[in-house]
């Protein structure tokens, strides 16, 4: 279950955010628990004990303000998604120091609601893309890995090879088309009847020479039969995750 914090010293806005975020997360099918805070101090006390997965954070608040709170969040948990919400749109560039997931300017409630919907739709993609992948095998050899640990997957006879970012290869008896059905299509794409790549690890794509350079220096081929589908998948990936 995803743990959400909303921190804003304006009570009507806090109530509005709580209601809308709860509705949008439910619509996206994300199991969640929301905690609301009217001060950064109260929020940090709980976050220190039990880090939140996502925090919607007002910037202009009594001490600590949103930036000061975000600094502490980053010391405690690098993986927390920070979404700033503020009336001061001039602070957007300064907010980049804290690697926010998004910046929502407070405006008319209808506009704020539209921005929230956009952000939570994107957040749903990112959460889904981070779900662990089970590498099948004999019972004692079952292994769960983060999607980002997989560089690419190669079909080899009756096996598939998971090439991982730590330099190891996990070989299991399976078929590539079956494996692909269990992977997130926003992250993984088939390039060849023998290859599936993690688009997070694509360094460069050379369409004239029909190959892809992975960020570890290896190359994966693109076949003519999969070229168009890969182009479409990679364009969608760069649009959503770049």
Protein backbone atom coordinates (compact mmCIF):
# COMPACT_ATOMS: atom_id res chain seq x y z
CA UNK A 1 0.00 0.00 0.00
CA UNK A 2 1.31 3.42 -0.96
CA UNK A 3 1.80 5.85 1.94
CA UNK A 4 0.87 9.45 1.04
CA UNK A 5 1.45 12.67 3.01
CA UNK A 6 -0.19 16.03 2.27
CA UNK A 7 1.25 19.04 4.07
CA UNK A 8 -0.33 22.50 3.79
CA UNK A 9 -0.94 25.14 6.45
CA UNK A 10 -4.13 26.33 4.72
CA UNK A 11 -6.92 24.13 6.08
CA UNK A 12 -9.45 24.61 3.23
CA UNK A 13 -6.71 23.78 0.69
CA UNK A 14 -5.59 20.81 2.79
CA UNK A 15 -9.15 19.45 2.81
CA UNK A 16 -9.51 20.01 -0.93
CA UNK A 17 -6.22 18.23 -1.70
CA UNK A 18 -7.07 15.34 0.59
CA UNK A 19 -10.43 14.77 -1.09
CA UNK A 20 -9.20 15.10 -4.69
CA UNK A 21 -6.01 13.08 -4.26
CA UNK A 22 -7.94 10.29 -2.55
CA UNK A 23 -10.48 10.20 -5.41
CA UNK A 24 -7.80 10.22 -8.13
CA UNK A 25 -5.69 7.51 -6.53
CA UNK A 26 -8.79 5.34 -6.17
CA UNK A 27 -9.69 5.92 -9.84
CA UNK A 28 -6.18 4.78 -10.82
CA UNK A 29 -6.54 1.63 -8.75
CA UNK A 30 -3.70 2.51 -6.38
CA UNK A 31 -4.06 1.16 -2.84
CA UNK A 32 -3.14 4.03 -0.56
CA UNK A 33 -3.18 5.56 2.89
CA UNK A 34 -3.26 9.35 3.24
CA UNK A 35 -1.97 11.35 6.21
CA UNK A 36 -2.59 15.11 6.34
CA UNK A 37 -0.46 17.69 8.16
CA UNK A 38 -0.89 21.42 8.71
CA UNK A 39 2.79 21.99 9.55
CA UNK A 40 6.11 20.81 8.21
CA UNK A 41 7.26 20.03 11.74
CA UNK A 42 4.45 17.54 12.34
CA UNK A 43 4.99 15.99 8.91
CA UNK A 44 8.74 15.49 9.43
CA UNK A 45 8.21 13.90 12.84
CA UNK A 46 6.15 11.10 11.25
CA UNK A 47 8.24 10.89 8.05
CA UNK A 48 11.40 10.36 10.15
CA UNK A 49 9.78 7.39 11.89
CA UNK A 50 8.05 5.94 8.84
CA UNK A 51 9.03 7.49 5.49
CA UNK A 52 6.21 8.25 3.08
CA UNK A 53 6.25 7.09 -0.53
CA UNK A 54 4.77 10.35 -1.83
CA UNK A 55 4.46 13.80 -0.28
CA UNK A 56 2.40 16.73 -1.59
CA UNK A 57 4.18 19.67 -0.01
CA UNK A 58 3.26 23.33 0.23
CA UNK A 59 6.30 25.60 -0.06
CA UNK A 60 5.16 28.78 1.70
CA UNK A 61 4.58 27.67 5.30
CA UNK A 62 5.87 28.74 8.73
CA UNK A 63 9.19 27.16 9.66
CA UNK A 64 10.12 24.76 8.39
CA UNK A 65 8.92 25.91 4.97
CA UNK A 66 8.43 23.46 2.12
CA UNK A 67 12.02 23.66 0.85
CA UNK A 68 13.44 23.11 4.35
CA UNK A 69 11.11 20.13 4.81
CA UNK A 70 12.08 18.74 1.39
CA UNK A 71 15.76 18.95 2.34
CA UNK A 72 15.07 16.75 5.37
CA UNK A 73 12.97 14.37 3.26
CA UNK A 74 15.90 13.86 0.89
CA UNK A 75 18.24 13.12 3.80
CA UNK A 76 15.85 10.47 5.12
CA UNK A 77 14.56 8.87 1.90
CA UNK A 78 15.94 9.48 -1.58
CA UNK A 79 13.08 7.54 -3.19
CA UNK A 80 10.17 9.60 -1.85
CA UNK A 81 8.25 11.36 -4.63
CA UNK A 82 8.04 15.07 -3.75
CA UNK A 83 5.28 17.10 -5.39
CA UNK A 84 5.39 20.80 -4.54
CA UNK A 85 2.14 22.77 -4.42
CA UNK A 86 2.34 26.56 -4.02
CA UNK A 87 0.93 29.94 -4.98
CA UNK A 88 4.48 31.14 -5.77
CA UNK A 89 5.14 29.88 -9.32
CA UNK A 90 8.39 31.91 -9.33
CA UNK A 91 9.86 29.24 -7.02
CA UNK A 92 9.65 26.49 -9.63
CA UNK A 93 13.35 26.68 -10.61
CA UNK A 94 14.53 26.79 -7.00
CA UNK A 95 12.47 23.67 -6.30
CA UNK A 96 14.61 21.64 -8.74
CA UNK A 97 17.34 21.41 -6.08
CA UNK A 98 15.16 18.86 -4.30
CA UNK A 99 14.47 16.69 -7.36
CA UNK A 100 10.68 17.03 -7.22
CA UNK A 101 8.45 14.74 -9.22
CA UNK A 102 6.29 17.71 -10.18
CA UNK A 103 5.44 21.30 -9.30
CA UNK A 104 1.76 22.29 -9.09
CA UNK A 105 1.02 26.01 -8.89
CA UNK A 106 -2.03 26.87 -6.79
CA UNK A 107 -4.51 28.59 -9.03
CA UNK A 108 -8.25 28.34 -9.55
CA UNK A 109 -9.45 25.08 -7.99
CA UNK A 110 -10.48 23.71 -11.40
CA UNK A 111 -6.96 24.26 -12.77
CA UNK A 112 -5.34 22.78 -9.66
CA UNK A 113 -7.63 19.75 -9.96
CA UNK A 114 -6.62 19.28 -13.61
CA UNK A 115 -2.92 19.43 -12.67
CA UNK A 116 -3.49 16.93 -9.87
CA UNK A 117 -5.16 14.54 -12.31
CA UNK A 118 -2.22 14.82 -14.71
CA UNK A 119 0.35 14.29 -11.94
CA UNK A 120 -1.38 11.26 -10.44
CA UNK A 121 -1.79 9.65 -13.86
CA UNK A 122 1.98 10.01 -14.36
CA UNK A 123 2.67 8.88 -10.82
CA UNK A 124 0.66 5.71 -11.52
CA UNK A 125 2.95 4.94 -14.46
CA UNK A 126 6.07 5.41 -12.36
CA UNK A 127 4.74 3.28 -9.50
CA UNK A 128 3.78 0.49 -11.90
CA UNK A 129 7.19 0.70 -13.56
CA UNK A 130 8.96 0.15 -10.24
CA UNK A 131 7.08 -3.04 -9.28
CA UNK A 132 9.38 -6.04 -8.74
CA UNK A 133 9.78 -8.58 -11.52
CA UNK A 134 9.86 -12.28 -10.65
CA UNK A 135 12.46 -14.25 -12.55
CA UNK A 136 10.93 -17.70 -12.79
CA UNK A 137 12.77 -20.92 -12.14
CA UNK A 138 12.82 -23.88 -9.79
CA UNK A 139 11.12 -23.08 -6.48
CA UNK A 140 14.38 -22.53 -4.62
CA UNK A 141 15.73 -20.33 -7.42
CA UNK A 142 12.85 -17.86 -7.67
CA UNK A 143 14.21 -14.34 -7.60
CA UNK A 144 12.61 -10.90 -7.51
CA UNK A 145 14.44 -7.96 -9.05
CA UNK A 146 13.69 -4.32 -9.63
CA UNK A 147 12.82 -3.60 -13.28
CA UNK A 148 15.78 -1.25 -13.49
CA UNK A 149 18.16 -4.11 -12.60
CA UNK A 150 17.34 -5.76 -15.94
CA UNK A 151 19.35 -4.45 -18.91
CA UNK A 152 17.87 -6.76 -21.53
CA UNK A 153 16.47 -10.27 -21.95
CA UNK A 154 17.70 -12.70 -24.58
CA UNK A 155 16.08 -15.86 -25.91
CA UNK A 156 18.47 -18.81 -26.13
CA UNK A 157 17.15 -22.19 -27.32
CA UNK A 158 14.50 -23.17 -24.72
CA UNK A 159 15.78 -20.66 -22.17
CA UNK A 160 15.75 -16.94 -21.57
CA UNK A 161 18.71 -15.01 -20.21
CA UNK A 162 18.15 -12.03 -17.91
CA UNK A 163 21.19 -9.76 -18.30
CA UNK A 164 21.40 -7.67 -15.13
CA UNK A 165 23.09 -4.37 -14.34
CA UNK A 166 25.46 -6.01 -11.83
CA UNK A 167 27.11 -7.92 -14.68
CA UNK A 168 25.45 -11.27 -13.96
CA UNK A 169 23.15 -13.33 -16.14
CA UNK A 170 20.20 -15.34 -14.81
CA UNK A 171 19.21 -18.21 -17.11
CA UNK A 172 15.78 -19.84 -16.71
CA UNK A 173 13.71 -22.23 -18.77
CA UNK A 174 11.00 -20.09 -20.34
CA UNK A 175 9.81 -18.50 -23.58
CA UNK A 176 10.43 -14.86 -24.43
CA UNK A 177 6.86 -14.18 -25.54
CA UNK A 178 5.53 -15.48 -22.19
CA UNK A 179 8.10 -13.43 -20.25
CA UNK A 180 7.14 -10.30 -22.17
CA UNK A 181 3.49 -10.65 -21.11
CA UNK A 182 4.52 -10.21 -17.46
CA UNK A 183 6.64 -7.08 -18.05
CA UNK A 184 5.56 -3.44 -17.97
CA UNK A 185 5.05 -2.35 -21.63
CA UNK A 186 5.96 1.23 -20.76
CA UNK A 187 9.47 0.08 -19.76
CA UNK A 188 10.24 -3.05 -21.79
CA UNK A 189 10.05 -3.42 -25.56
CA UNK A 190 10.79 -6.24 -27.96
CA UNK A 191 13.36 -5.37 -30.61
CA UNK A 192 13.90 -8.78 -32.20
CA UNK A 193 12.52 -12.31 -31.94
CA UNK A 194 15.44 -12.96 -29.55
CA UNK A 195 15.63 -9.68 -27.59
CA UNK A 196 13.63 -7.53 -25.16
CA UNK A 197 15.27 -4.34 -23.87
CA UNK A 198 14.71 -2.19 -20.81
CA UNK A 199 14.33 1.26 -22.37
CA UNK A 200 15.72 2.87 -19.21
CA UNK A 201 19.06 1.36 -20.19
CA UNK A 202 19.08 2.38 -23.85
CA UNK A 203 22.10 4.58 -24.55
CA UNK A 204 21.65 5.19 -28.28
CA UNK A 205 19.47 3.78 -31.05
CA UNK A 206 21.05 3.37 -34.49
CA UNK A 207 18.16 2.70 -36.87
CA UNK A 208 20.29 2.69 -40.07
CA UNK A 209 22.48 -0.09 -38.64
CA UNK A 210 19.52 -1.69 -36.83
CA UNK A 211 21.03 -1.92 -33.38
CA UNK A 212 20.79 -0.46 -29.88
CA UNK A 213 23.67 0.39 -27.60
CA UNK A 214 22.87 -0.51 -23.98
CA UNK A 215 24.36 1.76 -21.30
CA UNK A 216 26.81 -0.98 -20.25
CA UNK A 217 28.36 -0.88 -23.74
CA UNK A 218 26.68 -4.00 -25.17
CA UNK A 219 24.66 -4.00 -28.38
CA UNK A 220 21.22 -5.50 -29.04
CA UNK A 221 19.83 -5.98 -32.53
CA UNK A 222 16.64 -4.59 -34.06
CA UNK A 223 14.91 -6.75 -36.65
CA UNK A 224 12.85 -5.32 -39.47
CA UNK A 225 9.78 -7.10 -38.16
CA UNK A 226 9.96 -5.30 -34.79
CA UNK A 227 11.42 -1.96 -35.90
CA UNK A 228 8.12 -0.04 -36.16
CA UNK A 229 6.74 -1.38 -32.86
CA UNK A 230 9.98 -0.57 -31.08
CA UNK A 231 10.01 2.97 -32.51
CA UNK A 232 6.48 3.53 -31.20
CA UNK A 233 7.31 2.06 -27.78
CA UNK A 234 10.51 4.09 -27.44
CA UNK A 235 8.75 7.31 -28.43
CA UNK A 236 6.06 6.64 -25.80
CA UNK A 237 8.76 5.86 -23.23
CA UNK A 238 10.66 9.11 -23.86
CA UNK A 239 7.42 11.08 -23.74
CA UNK A 240 6.42 9.62 -20.35
CA UNK A 241 9.73 9.08 -18.58
CA UNK A 242 12.24 11.58 -19.94
